[in-house]
Structure formats: C-alpha cells, structure tokens
Protein backbone atom coordinates (compact mmCIF):
# COMPACT_ATOMS: atom_id res chain seq x y z
CA MET A 1 -3.17 -10.44 -8.30
CA THR A 2 -4.62 -7.18 -10.53
CA VAL A 3 -5.31 -4.03 -8.66
CA GLU A 4 -8.04 -1.58 -10.13
CA LEU A 5 -6.28 1.75 -10.47
CA TYR A 6 -7.58 4.46 -7.82
CA THR A 7 -9.38 1.83 -5.77
CA ASP A 8 -7.82 0.90 -2.27
CA ALA A 9 -5.49 -2.44 -1.40
CA VAL A 10 -4.17 -3.82 1.56
CA LEU A 11 -0.25 -3.88 1.98
CA THR A 12 1.01 -7.95 2.36
CA ARG A 13 4.44 -6.94 4.01
CA ASP A 14 5.94 -4.34 6.21
CA ILE A 15 8.10 -1.25 4.04
CA PRO A 16 10.01 -0.13 7.42
CA VAL A 17 11.33 2.84 5.01
CA HIS A 18 8.05 4.56 5.24
CA GLY A 19 6.93 3.23 9.03
CA LEU A 20 4.31 0.96 6.80
CA CYS A 21 3.01 -1.92 7.92
CA ALA A 22 1.27 -5.75 6.35
CA GLY A 23 -2.40 -4.33 6.68
CA ASP A 24 -1.77 -1.07 6.23
CA VAL A 25 -4.72 -0.06 3.81
CA VAL A 26 -3.02 2.30 0.45
CA LYS A 27 -4.25 3.75 -3.17
CA VAL A 28 -3.08 2.20 -6.32
CA VAL A 29 -2.26 4.77 -8.78
CA ASP A 30 -0.40 3.47 -11.12
CA PHE A 31 1.15 0.37 -13.00
CA HIS A 32 4.17 -0.42 -13.94
CA LEU A 33 6.91 -3.54 -14.50
CA ALA A 34 8.69 -4.07 -11.73
CA PRO A 35 11.97 -4.86 -11.03
CA GLY A 36 12.39 -8.19 -12.27
CA GLY A 37 9.59 -8.39 -14.79
CA GLY A 38 6.66 -9.07 -12.42
CA GLY A 39 3.92 -6.27 -12.04
CA GLY A 40 4.23 -3.53 -10.06
CA TYR A 41 2.32 -0.34 -8.38
CA SER A 42 2.18 2.37 -7.10
CA ILE A 43 1.38 3.53 -4.22
CA GLU A 44 -0.17 6.82 -2.16
CA VAL A 45 -0.25 6.27 1.24
CA PHE A 46 -3.03 9.01 3.50
CA ASN A 47 -2.85 9.46 7.24
CA THR A 48 -6.50 9.58 8.96
CA LEU A 49 -6.40 13.54 7.93
CA GLY A 50 -5.82 12.52 4.34
CA GLU A 51 -2.54 13.55 4.04
CA THR A 52 -0.47 12.11 2.12
CA ILE A 53 2.75 10.44 4.34
CA ALA A 54 4.26 7.90 1.43
CA VAL A 55 4.22 7.66 -2.12
CA THR A 56 6.37 4.51 -3.34
CA SER A 57 6.40 1.29 -5.71
CA VAL A 58 5.45 -2.27 -4.52
CA ASN A 59 5.39 -5.50 -6.35
CA ALA A 60 2.18 -6.80 -7.45
CA SER A 61 2.11 -10.30 -4.71
CA ASP A 62 2.74 -7.16 -2.26
CA LEU A 63 -0.97 -6.13 -2.21
CA GLU A 64 -4.65 -7.42 -1.38
CA PRO A 65 -7.55 -6.09 -1.91
CA LEU A 66 -10.08 -4.95 0.70
CA LEU A 67 -12.81 -7.80 1.54
CA ALA A 68 -16.04 -6.71 3.20
CA ASP A 69 -14.85 -8.87 6.42
CA GLU A 70 -12.41 -6.57 7.27
CA ILE A 71 -12.66 -2.94 9.47
CA PHE A 72 -10.47 -0.42 9.68
CA SER A 73 -7.99 0.41 12.63
CA VAL A 74 -5.42 2.99 13.84
CA ARG A 75 -1.91 3.32 14.67
CA LYS A 76 0.84 5.06 15.48
CA LEU A 77 3.63 5.64 12.35
CA SER A 78 6.35 4.85 13.11
CA MET A 79 9.12 5.80 11.20
CA ALA A 80 12.47 3.96 10.90
CA VAL A 81 15.65 5.71 11.60
C-alpha cells in the first residue's frame, strides 16, 4: 500500500516496544526501503494532547488508510518493559 506523506494511517500490528497497538492512528512522515527491500515508512505517534510519544519505522504492510466508517477511540498508553 502506498501512503501519502504527512497523512494519518492505522497500524495493522502491535509494536510493543513503543506501547503501540494495531488500530492506533499514526502520522506518516517519510518513505524509505525496509529491510529486505520492500517499502517502509517512518511514523510519528502523538498522544491526545498532540505530544510526540514515539517515532519509529514500519513496513508498508503495517499500515492501512483511515476509512470514513471508522471513529477515534482513546486508550491508556501501556509501555512494554
């Protein structure tokens, strides 16, 4: 999937080291080659106050576009130890 830079997308898998879960909304900030040669993206994740809580890289297959029939939800951030 191709995602336009500086748009929001949805994670399709958990990223425990950052406390992120499938379904979390992320901002796509850069495109690059992923390990193994596929497409990848750098993402930035914000809390509900707009503060950055994580910046990491994911494979293109780890993202989906936001859809019109979805709504936002709030959950507590639980960091992996």
